[in-house]
Structure formats: structure tokens, C-alpha cells
N, C-alpha and C. Protein backbone atom coordinates (compact mmCIF):
# COMPACT_ATOMS: atom_id res chain seq x y z
N MET A 1 172.57 -61.80 -104.71
CA MET A 1 172.59 -63.23 -104.24
C MET A 1 173.97 -63.80 -104.81
N SER A 2 174.61 -64.31 -103.76
CA SER A 2 175.88 -64.97 -104.12
C SER A 2 175.71 -66.30 -104.78
N PRO A 3 176.80 -66.82 -105.58
CA PRO A 3 176.59 -68.09 -106.16
C PRO A 3 176.29 -69.18 -105.23
N SER A 4 176.80 -69.12 -103.99
CA SER A 4 176.44 -70.21 -103.04
C SER A 4 175.03 -70.14 -102.65
N ASP A 5 174.50 -68.86 -102.50
CA ASP A 5 173.13 -68.82 -102.07
C ASP A 5 172.15 -69.34 -103.16
N ARG A 6 172.57 -69.22 -104.45
CA ARG A 6 171.77 -69.62 -105.49
C ARG A 6 171.41 -71.12 -105.42
N TYR A 7 172.29 -71.96 -104.79
CA TYR A 7 171.98 -73.39 -104.74
C TYR A 7 171.59 -73.92 -103.35
N SER A 8 171.25 -72.89 -102.42
CA SER A 8 170.95 -73.36 -101.10
C SER A 8 169.50 -73.94 -101.21
N PRO A 9 169.15 -74.82 -100.28
CA PRO A 9 167.72 -75.36 -100.23
C PRO A 9 166.70 -74.19 -100.16
N THR A 10 166.99 -73.13 -99.38
CA THR A 10 166.02 -72.07 -99.14
C THR A 10 165.78 -71.41 -100.43
N SER A 11 166.83 -71.05 -101.23
CA SER A 11 166.75 -70.33 -102.54
C SER A 11 165.98 -71.15 -103.51
N LEU A 12 166.31 -72.50 -103.55
CA LEU A 12 165.63 -73.41 -104.59
C LEU A 12 164.14 -73.45 -104.27
N ILE A 13 163.76 -73.57 -102.91
CA ILE A 13 162.23 -73.47 -102.56
C ILE A 13 161.67 -72.31 -103.02
N HIS A 14 162.29 -71.09 -102.88
CA HIS A 14 161.81 -69.81 -103.24
C HIS A 14 161.74 -69.83 -104.73
N THR A 15 162.73 -70.35 -105.50
CA THR A 15 162.55 -70.27 -107.01
C THR A 15 161.37 -71.19 -107.43
N VAL A 16 161.28 -72.33 -106.87
CA VAL A 16 160.18 -73.14 -107.38
C VAL A 16 158.83 -72.58 -106.95
N ARG A 17 158.63 -71.85 -105.82
CA ARG A 17 157.45 -71.22 -105.37
C ARG A 17 157.07 -70.05 -106.30
N HIS A 18 158.07 -69.32 -106.58
CA HIS A 18 157.79 -67.99 -107.28
C HIS A 18 158.05 -68.05 -108.78
N ARG A 19 158.79 -69.02 -109.35
CA ARG A 19 158.90 -68.95 -110.69
C ARG A 19 158.30 -70.03 -111.54
N TRP A 20 158.03 -71.11 -110.98
CA TRP A 20 157.48 -72.17 -111.79
C TRP A 20 155.99 -72.28 -111.50
N PRO A 21 155.17 -72.16 -112.50
CA PRO A 21 153.69 -72.22 -112.37
C PRO A 21 153.43 -73.67 -111.79
N ILE A 22 152.34 -73.79 -111.15
CA ILE A 22 151.89 -75.01 -110.46
C ILE A 22 151.74 -76.17 -111.63
N GLY A 23 151.29 -75.77 -112.79
CA GLY A 23 151.15 -76.71 -113.91
C GLY A 23 152.46 -77.55 -114.16
N HIS A 24 153.54 -76.76 -114.05
CA HIS A 24 154.86 -77.32 -114.32
C HIS A 24 155.30 -78.43 -113.21
N LEU A 25 154.90 -78.07 -111.97
CA LEU A 25 155.11 -79.05 -110.93
C LEU A 25 154.38 -80.20 -111.13
N ILE A 26 153.06 -80.09 -111.41
CA ILE A 26 152.10 -81.22 -111.57
C ILE A 26 152.66 -82.08 -112.67
N PHE A 27 153.02 -81.39 -113.88
CA PHE A 27 153.62 -82.09 -114.97
C PHE A 27 154.88 -82.88 -114.63
N ALA A 28 155.67 -82.25 -113.89
CA ALA A 28 156.96 -82.97 -113.34
C ALA A 28 156.73 -84.14 -112.58
N CYS A 29 155.64 -84.12 -111.75
CA CYS A 29 155.13 -85.21 -110.89
C CYS A 29 154.68 -86.24 -111.77
N LEU A 30 153.82 -85.88 -112.75
CA LEU A 30 153.23 -86.92 -113.65
C LEU A 30 154.23 -87.62 -114.43
N LEU A 31 155.36 -86.91 -114.89
CA LEU A 31 156.40 -87.54 -115.50
C LEU A 31 157.10 -88.65 -114.66
N GLY A 32 157.30 -88.20 -113.35
CA GLY A 32 157.95 -89.14 -112.50
C GLY A 32 157.08 -90.43 -112.14
N LEU A 33 155.78 -90.22 -112.25
CA LEU A 33 154.90 -91.44 -111.96
C LEU A 33 154.90 -92.27 -113.24
N MET A 34 154.91 -91.67 -114.35
CA MET A 34 155.00 -92.43 -115.69
C MET A 34 156.19 -93.23 -115.75
N SER A 35 157.47 -92.70 -115.33
CA SER A 35 158.59 -93.32 -115.25
C SER A 35 158.60 -94.66 -114.39
N VAL A 36 157.91 -94.47 -113.30
CA VAL A 36 157.86 -95.55 -112.37
C VAL A 36 156.98 -96.70 -112.91
N GLN A 37 155.91 -96.31 -113.62
CA GLN A 37 155.05 -97.23 -114.23
C GLN A 37 155.72 -97.94 -115.35
N ALA A 38 156.53 -97.28 -116.18
CA ALA A 38 157.23 -97.79 -117.29
C ALA A 38 158.24 -98.88 -116.75
N TYR A 39 158.87 -98.43 -115.65
CA TYR A 39 159.90 -99.39 -115.13
C TYR A 39 159.13 -100.59 -114.60
N ALA A 40 157.99 -100.47 -114.01
CA ALA A 40 157.27 -101.68 -113.46
C ALA A 40 156.80 -102.55 -114.64
N ALA A 41 156.50 -101.89 -115.75
CA ALA A 41 155.94 -102.68 -116.93
C ALA A 41 157.11 -103.33 -117.70
N ASP A 42 158.29 -103.17 -117.25
CA ASP A 42 159.60 -103.70 -117.95
C ASP A 42 160.05 -104.88 -117.00
N PRO A 43 159.20 -106.06 -116.98
CA PRO A 43 159.54 -107.10 -116.15
C PRO A 43 160.88 -107.80 -116.56
N LYS A 44 161.50 -108.17 -115.41
CA LYS A 44 162.92 -108.90 -115.53
C LYS A 44 162.44 -110.35 -115.61
N PRO A 45 163.45 -111.18 -116.16
CA PRO A 45 163.16 -112.63 -116.01
C PRO A 45 163.00 -113.05 -114.67
N THR A 46 162.37 -114.23 -114.44
CA THR A 46 162.25 -114.79 -113.06
C THR A 46 163.67 -115.15 -112.59
N PRO A 47 163.94 -115.27 -111.43
CA PRO A 47 165.22 -115.72 -110.81
C PRO A 47 165.63 -116.91 -111.34
N ASP A 48 164.69 -117.82 -111.82
CA ASP A 48 165.18 -119.06 -112.35
C ASP A 48 165.97 -118.98 -113.64
N GLY A 49 165.97 -117.84 -114.22
CA GLY A 49 166.76 -117.56 -115.39
C GLY A 49 166.65 -118.56 -116.57
N GLY A 50 165.48 -119.15 -116.86
CA GLY A 50 165.30 -119.99 -117.97
C GLY A 50 165.55 -121.35 -117.57
N LEU A 51 165.59 -121.68 -116.35
CA LEU A 51 165.83 -123.05 -115.84
C LEU A 51 164.86 -124.03 -116.38
N PRO A 52 163.46 -123.74 -116.47
CA PRO A 52 162.52 -124.59 -116.95
C PRO A 52 162.83 -124.97 -118.45
N TRP A 53 163.25 -124.00 -119.19
CA TRP A 53 163.73 -124.31 -120.58
C TRP A 53 164.88 -125.30 -120.68
N LEU A 54 165.88 -125.14 -119.64
CA LEU A 54 167.07 -126.01 -119.74
C LEU A 54 166.61 -127.43 -119.36
N GLN A 55 165.56 -127.48 -118.42
CA GLN A 55 165.06 -128.80 -118.00
C GLN A 55 164.38 -129.50 -119.11
N LEU A 56 163.90 -128.91 -120.15
CA LEU A 56 163.46 -129.61 -121.39
C LEU A 56 164.64 -130.23 -122.02
N ILE A 57 165.77 -129.57 -122.10
CA ILE A 57 166.86 -130.17 -122.70
C ILE A 57 167.42 -131.33 -121.85
N ASP A 58 167.30 -131.14 -120.50
CA ASP A 58 167.70 -132.21 -119.55
C ASP A 58 166.90 -133.66 -119.76
N ARG A 59 165.78 -133.30 -120.12
CA ARG A 59 164.79 -134.56 -120.26
C ARG A 59 164.78 -134.92 -121.78
N GLN A 60 165.67 -134.39 -122.61
CA GLN A 60 165.76 -134.67 -123.88
C GLN A 60 164.70 -134.30 -124.75
N GLN A 61 163.81 -133.35 -124.32
CA GLN A 61 162.71 -132.85 -125.04
C GLN A 61 163.22 -131.69 -126.02
N PHE A 62 163.98 -132.10 -126.90
CA PHE A 62 164.67 -131.23 -127.77
C PHE A 62 163.78 -130.27 -128.73
N ASP A 63 162.79 -131.05 -129.19
CA ASP A 63 161.75 -130.37 -130.07
C ASP A 63 160.94 -129.29 -129.25
N GLN A 64 160.63 -129.73 -128.09
CA GLN A 64 159.87 -128.63 -127.28
C GLN A 64 160.66 -127.54 -126.89
N SER A 65 161.99 -127.79 -126.67
CA SER A 65 162.89 -126.59 -126.30
C SER A 65 163.10 -125.65 -127.59
N TRP A 66 162.95 -126.26 -128.77
CA TRP A 66 162.99 -125.39 -129.91
C TRP A 66 161.66 -124.61 -130.08
N ASP A 67 160.64 -125.29 -129.74
CA ASP A 67 159.22 -124.69 -129.90
C ASP A 67 159.24 -123.37 -128.95
N GLN A 68 159.70 -123.52 -127.75
CA GLN A 68 159.70 -122.54 -126.84
C GLN A 68 160.82 -121.37 -126.93
N ALA A 69 161.79 -121.65 -127.86
CA ALA A 69 162.91 -120.68 -128.02
C ALA A 69 162.47 -119.49 -128.70
N SER A 70 163.41 -118.50 -128.81
CA SER A 70 163.17 -117.17 -129.43
C SER A 70 163.01 -117.37 -130.89
N ILE A 71 162.39 -116.28 -131.56
CA ILE A 71 162.27 -116.12 -132.92
C ILE A 71 163.59 -116.12 -133.57
N PHE A 72 164.59 -115.35 -132.91
CA PHE A 72 165.99 -115.36 -133.46
C PHE A 72 166.55 -116.83 -133.65
N LEU A 73 166.48 -117.64 -132.62
CA LEU A 73 167.06 -118.91 -132.67
C LEU A 73 166.41 -119.70 -133.90
N LYS A 74 165.02 -119.64 -133.91
CA LYS A 74 164.15 -120.21 -134.90
C LYS A 74 164.56 -119.87 -136.40
N GLU A 75 164.92 -118.64 -136.44
CA GLU A 75 165.26 -118.11 -137.75
C GLU A 75 166.62 -118.56 -138.16
N HIS A 76 167.59 -118.91 -137.31
CA HIS A 76 168.81 -119.34 -137.71
C HIS A 76 169.18 -120.74 -137.64
N ILE A 77 168.18 -121.59 -137.09
CA ILE A 77 168.49 -123.09 -137.09
C ILE A 77 167.02 -123.70 -137.15
N THR A 78 166.97 -124.72 -137.91
CA THR A 78 165.74 -125.41 -138.02
C THR A 78 165.54 -126.33 -136.75
N LYS A 79 164.43 -126.82 -136.65
CA LYS A 79 163.96 -127.71 -135.52
C LYS A 79 164.77 -129.02 -135.67
N THR A 80 164.96 -129.52 -136.75
CA THR A 80 165.72 -130.76 -137.18
C THR A 80 167.10 -130.60 -136.72
N GLN A 81 167.79 -129.42 -137.16
CA GLN A 81 169.11 -129.21 -136.84
C GLN A 81 169.38 -129.10 -135.46
N TRP A 82 168.48 -128.36 -134.63
CA TRP A 82 168.55 -128.14 -133.22
C TRP A 82 168.43 -129.61 -132.57
N HIS A 83 167.51 -130.36 -133.03
CA HIS A 83 167.35 -131.67 -132.35
C HIS A 83 168.70 -132.49 -132.53
N ASP A 84 169.13 -132.48 -133.71
CA ASP A 84 170.38 -133.26 -134.08
C ASP A 84 171.55 -132.79 -133.33
N ILE A 85 171.78 -131.46 -133.28
CA ILE A 85 172.91 -130.93 -132.54
C ILE A 85 172.88 -131.42 -131.14
N LEU A 86 171.72 -131.10 -130.40
CA LEU A 86 171.59 -131.50 -129.06
C LEU A 86 171.73 -133.08 -128.88
N ARG A 87 171.12 -133.77 -129.77
CA ARG A 87 171.31 -135.30 -129.56
C ARG A 87 172.78 -135.67 -129.56
N GLN A 88 173.49 -135.05 -130.52
CA GLN A 88 174.90 -135.32 -130.67
C GLN A 88 175.80 -134.78 -129.52
N GLN A 89 175.46 -133.54 -129.15
CA GLN A 89 176.46 -132.95 -128.16
C GLN A 89 176.08 -132.94 -126.69
N ARG A 90 174.69 -132.89 -126.50
CA ARG A 90 174.27 -132.90 -125.11
C ARG A 90 173.91 -134.27 -124.56
N GLN A 91 173.08 -135.04 -125.30
CA GLN A 91 172.72 -136.32 -124.96
C GLN A 91 173.86 -137.13 -124.48
N PRO A 92 174.94 -137.29 -125.00
CA PRO A 92 176.00 -138.14 -124.51
C PRO A 92 176.59 -137.85 -123.14
N LEU A 93 176.31 -136.65 -122.70
CA LEU A 93 176.91 -136.23 -121.42
C LEU A 93 176.09 -136.92 -120.28
N GLY A 94 174.81 -137.39 -120.56
CA GLY A 94 174.08 -138.00 -119.50
C GLY A 94 173.32 -137.17 -118.64
N ALA A 95 172.81 -137.70 -117.60
CA ALA A 95 171.89 -137.02 -116.58
C ALA A 95 172.60 -135.93 -115.94
N ILE A 96 171.96 -134.90 -115.42
CA ILE A 96 172.61 -133.93 -114.53
C ILE A 96 172.76 -134.44 -113.19
N SER A 97 173.96 -134.28 -112.69
CA SER A 97 174.30 -134.53 -111.33
C SER A 97 174.05 -133.29 -110.40
N SER A 98 174.38 -132.15 -110.88
CA SER A 98 174.20 -130.88 -110.15
C SER A 98 174.33 -129.77 -111.09
N ARG A 99 173.61 -128.69 -110.82
CA ARG A 99 173.68 -127.44 -111.56
C ARG A 99 173.59 -126.30 -110.61
N ASN A 100 174.67 -125.37 -110.79
CA ASN A 100 174.87 -124.27 -109.84
C ASN A 100 175.02 -123.03 -110.60
N LYS A 101 174.26 -122.03 -110.34
CA LYS A 101 174.35 -120.66 -111.10
C LYS A 101 175.72 -119.99 -110.68
N LEU A 102 176.50 -119.72 -111.63
CA LEU A 102 177.71 -118.89 -111.35
C LEU A 102 177.59 -117.46 -111.46
N LYS A 103 176.80 -117.07 -112.47
CA LYS A 103 176.51 -115.59 -112.63
C LYS A 103 175.37 -115.41 -113.55
N SER A 104 174.75 -114.24 -113.38
CA SER A 104 173.81 -113.86 -114.29
C SER A 104 173.73 -112.37 -114.43
N GLU A 105 173.75 -111.91 -115.65
CA GLU A 105 173.84 -110.46 -115.90
C GLU A 105 173.00 -110.08 -117.04
N TYR A 106 172.64 -108.74 -117.13
CA TYR A 106 171.91 -108.26 -118.29
C TYR A 106 172.85 -107.62 -119.22
N GLN A 107 172.69 -107.82 -120.46
CA GLN A 107 173.44 -107.14 -121.52
C GLN A 107 172.50 -106.63 -122.52
N TYR A 108 172.96 -105.60 -123.31
CA TYR A 108 172.21 -104.89 -124.19
C TYR A 108 172.68 -104.87 -125.67
N ASN A 109 173.68 -105.67 -125.82
CA ASN A 109 174.38 -105.84 -127.19
C ASN A 109 175.22 -107.01 -127.13
N ILE A 110 174.92 -108.10 -127.90
CA ILE A 110 175.72 -109.25 -127.95
C ILE A 110 176.27 -109.46 -129.30
N PRO A 111 177.65 -109.69 -129.41
CA PRO A 111 178.24 -109.92 -130.74
C PRO A 111 177.57 -111.09 -131.34
N GLY A 112 177.29 -110.88 -132.58
CA GLY A 112 176.59 -112.02 -133.45
C GLY A 112 175.20 -111.98 -133.43
N ILE A 113 174.51 -111.26 -132.38
CA ILE A 113 173.24 -111.21 -132.19
C ILE A 113 172.67 -109.75 -132.44
N GLY A 114 173.38 -108.74 -131.77
CA GLY A 114 172.95 -107.37 -131.93
C GLY A 114 172.48 -106.83 -130.78
N ALA A 115 171.66 -105.68 -131.00
CA ALA A 115 171.16 -104.95 -129.81
C ALA A 115 169.80 -105.61 -129.33
N GLY A 116 169.52 -105.46 -128.10
CA GLY A 116 168.35 -105.93 -127.53
C GLY A 116 168.58 -105.99 -125.98
N THR A 117 167.71 -106.60 -125.38
CA THR A 117 167.63 -106.76 -123.88
C THR A 117 167.88 -108.30 -123.57
N PHE A 118 168.95 -108.64 -123.11
CA PHE A 118 169.44 -110.02 -122.88
C PHE A 118 169.68 -110.37 -121.40
N GLN A 119 169.40 -111.55 -120.94
CA GLN A 119 170.02 -112.12 -119.70
C GLN A 119 170.81 -113.17 -120.01
N VAL A 120 172.11 -113.03 -119.60
CA VAL A 120 173.18 -114.02 -119.78
C VAL A 120 173.35 -114.77 -118.44
N THR A 121 173.09 -116.13 -118.39
CA THR A 121 173.34 -116.85 -117.08
C THR A 121 174.18 -117.99 -117.47
N VAL A 122 175.32 -118.12 -116.51
CA VAL A 122 176.15 -119.25 -116.68
C VAL A 122 176.05 -120.06 -115.45
N TYR A 123 175.93 -121.47 -115.74
CA TYR A 123 175.72 -122.43 -114.72
C TYR A 123 176.99 -123.39 -114.80
N ARG A 124 177.45 -123.83 -113.61
CA ARG A 124 178.47 -124.81 -113.59
C ARG A 124 177.65 -126.21 -113.35
N THR A 125 177.78 -127.12 -114.32
CA THR A 125 176.97 -128.27 -114.29
C THR A 125 177.77 -129.56 -114.41
N SER A 126 177.41 -130.45 -113.54
CA SER A 126 178.10 -131.80 -113.54
C SER A 126 177.15 -132.84 -114.22
N PHE A 127 177.64 -133.46 -115.14
CA PHE A 127 176.85 -134.66 -115.78
C PHE A 127 177.41 -135.85 -115.47
N ALA A 128 176.52 -136.96 -115.69
CA ALA A 128 176.84 -138.25 -115.28
C ALA A 128 178.08 -138.91 -116.05
N ASN A 129 178.22 -138.41 -117.40
CA ASN A 129 179.24 -139.05 -118.19
C ASN A 129 180.33 -138.03 -118.48
N GLN A 130 180.36 -136.92 -117.82
CA GLN A 130 181.41 -135.84 -118.17
C GLN A 130 181.70 -135.17 -116.74
N THR A 131 182.78 -134.89 -116.32
CA THR A 131 182.97 -134.26 -115.05
C THR A 131 182.19 -133.04 -114.88
N THR A 132 182.60 -131.81 -115.24
CA THR A 132 181.85 -130.60 -115.12
C THR A 132 182.06 -129.78 -116.43
N MET A 133 180.99 -128.99 -116.67
CA MET A 133 181.05 -128.14 -117.85
C MET A 133 180.37 -126.96 -117.41
N ASP A 134 180.57 -125.79 -118.07
CA ASP A 134 179.80 -124.53 -118.04
C ASP A 134 178.68 -124.49 -119.05
N GLU A 135 177.57 -124.29 -118.58
CA GLU A 135 176.41 -123.98 -119.53
C GLU A 135 176.19 -122.57 -119.58
N THR A 136 176.06 -121.89 -120.73
CA THR A 136 175.68 -120.48 -120.81
C THR A 136 174.29 -120.40 -121.53
N LEU A 137 173.35 -119.83 -120.93
CA LEU A 137 172.02 -119.66 -121.47
C LEU A 137 171.82 -118.11 -121.61
N ILE A 138 171.38 -117.87 -122.83
CA ILE A 138 171.18 -116.42 -123.19
C ILE A 138 169.54 -116.35 -123.36
N LEU A 139 168.94 -115.57 -122.57
CA LEU A 139 167.55 -115.19 -122.88
C LEU A 139 167.42 -113.80 -123.46
N ALA A 140 166.42 -113.62 -124.46
CA ALA A 140 166.13 -112.38 -124.98
C ALA A 140 164.76 -111.93 -124.67
N ARG A 141 164.53 -110.70 -124.38
CA ARG A 141 163.17 -110.13 -124.31
C ARG A 141 162.62 -109.78 -125.65
N GLU A 142 161.60 -110.50 -126.05
CA GLU A 142 160.95 -110.34 -127.34
C GLU A 142 159.88 -109.24 -127.36
N THR A 143 159.46 -108.91 -128.45
CA THR A 143 158.52 -107.82 -128.56
C THR A 143 157.32 -108.04 -127.82
N ASP A 144 156.86 -109.24 -127.52
CA ASP A 144 155.62 -109.53 -126.80
C ASP A 144 155.86 -109.42 -125.41
N GLY A 145 157.06 -108.98 -125.00
CA GLY A 145 157.49 -108.85 -123.53
C GLY A 145 157.97 -110.18 -122.94
N LYS A 146 157.85 -111.28 -123.45
CA LYS A 146 158.23 -112.49 -122.87
C LYS A 146 159.77 -112.76 -123.09
N TRP A 147 160.28 -113.41 -122.18
CA TRP A 147 161.78 -113.92 -122.29
C TRP A 147 161.87 -115.26 -122.70
N ARG A 148 162.68 -115.41 -123.85
CA ARG A 148 162.76 -116.78 -124.51
C ARG A 148 164.40 -117.07 -124.62
N ALA A 149 164.62 -118.34 -124.84
CA ALA A 149 166.03 -118.74 -125.03
C ALA A 149 166.54 -118.29 -126.45
N ILE A 150 167.67 -117.67 -126.58
CA ILE A 150 168.23 -117.28 -127.78
C ILE A 150 169.47 -118.01 -128.00
N GLY A 151 170.07 -118.42 -126.99
CA GLY A 151 171.46 -119.17 -127.16
C GLY A 151 171.61 -120.09 -125.97
N TYR A 152 172.30 -121.32 -126.31
CA TYR A 152 172.73 -122.23 -125.31
C TYR A 152 174.07 -122.77 -125.72
N TYR A 153 175.03 -122.64 -124.74
CA TYR A 153 176.45 -123.14 -125.09
C TYR A 153 177.03 -124.09 -123.96
N LEU A 154 177.75 -125.01 -124.43
CA LEU A 154 178.40 -125.80 -123.35
C LEU A 154 179.83 -125.65 -123.65
N LYS A 155 180.68 -125.43 -122.51
CA LYS A 155 182.09 -125.30 -122.49
C LYS A 155 182.71 -126.29 -121.40
């Protein structure tokens, strides 16, 4: 058998039929099904990308936004600090005039946070008292499988 014959569809079918026990084929099929199930069990955040959480901040419900944030955020900033920071930095901007998603991407390592599964979404937002700013929202997939806000930045 020449090297080119070794990889032809006919020779591969012959090899599978005559050299692999049927148990191996069933096992390979089951592995493929388990991979599909594992992928289906790995939900991505909804397309709104944390928008309901941002709307808590829009409504100045700063304490509720902290309550719904990730464990990481809660371990690094107290509820009182969170409330004070948002009251000082976000509240003066005023109401939202418009918010448009610029980009959203998945990342698996974020400097200062570490390894994990993250969705980083950037919005171009117009406020009543400030022309336009970019809001960056980082969601983290936590051990319970839920996506929660781990970071929020204004530029």
C-alpha cells in the first residue's frame, strides 16, 4: 500500500471496519455526545450582556447592584465603598440619553483578576450632563454557573 493509499477514504473505511472493535466506535460516539452535552451545559451570557445590572446603576440603585455583583467584586470593595464611588463618579453624569454596544468578547485571563471565563462588553453611552463616555462591563462566570458583574469602568 502506497502512502497516498493509506489516507484515502476507502482505506480508512477498511481500517475502521477491520481493525477497530465495535466497542471503540461506540465509545468514540459516546465521547462525541458527551462533548456536545458539555458544550450545551456551558451557557453563555444572554445577549444583553449584563444590561439589567447596568440599569440598576442607571436608576441609582447602587446597593442592589453590589448585592447582585460577583463574589470577587464583593471581596475587594465593601457595599459602602461601592455606593460612595458610584455616587461620586456616576451620579453626576445624569440620566442616560443613549447606550450602544461597541463590542463584546470573551476572555479567559484578565490582568488584576486572573484566570476565569469573562465577557467584556463596551458601551458608548451618552449622559445628560456629560457628552459621551465608554462604559466597560466585565461579567464573570461563577462556580454556580451564573454570570455576575465583576468590574465596571467609565472612560
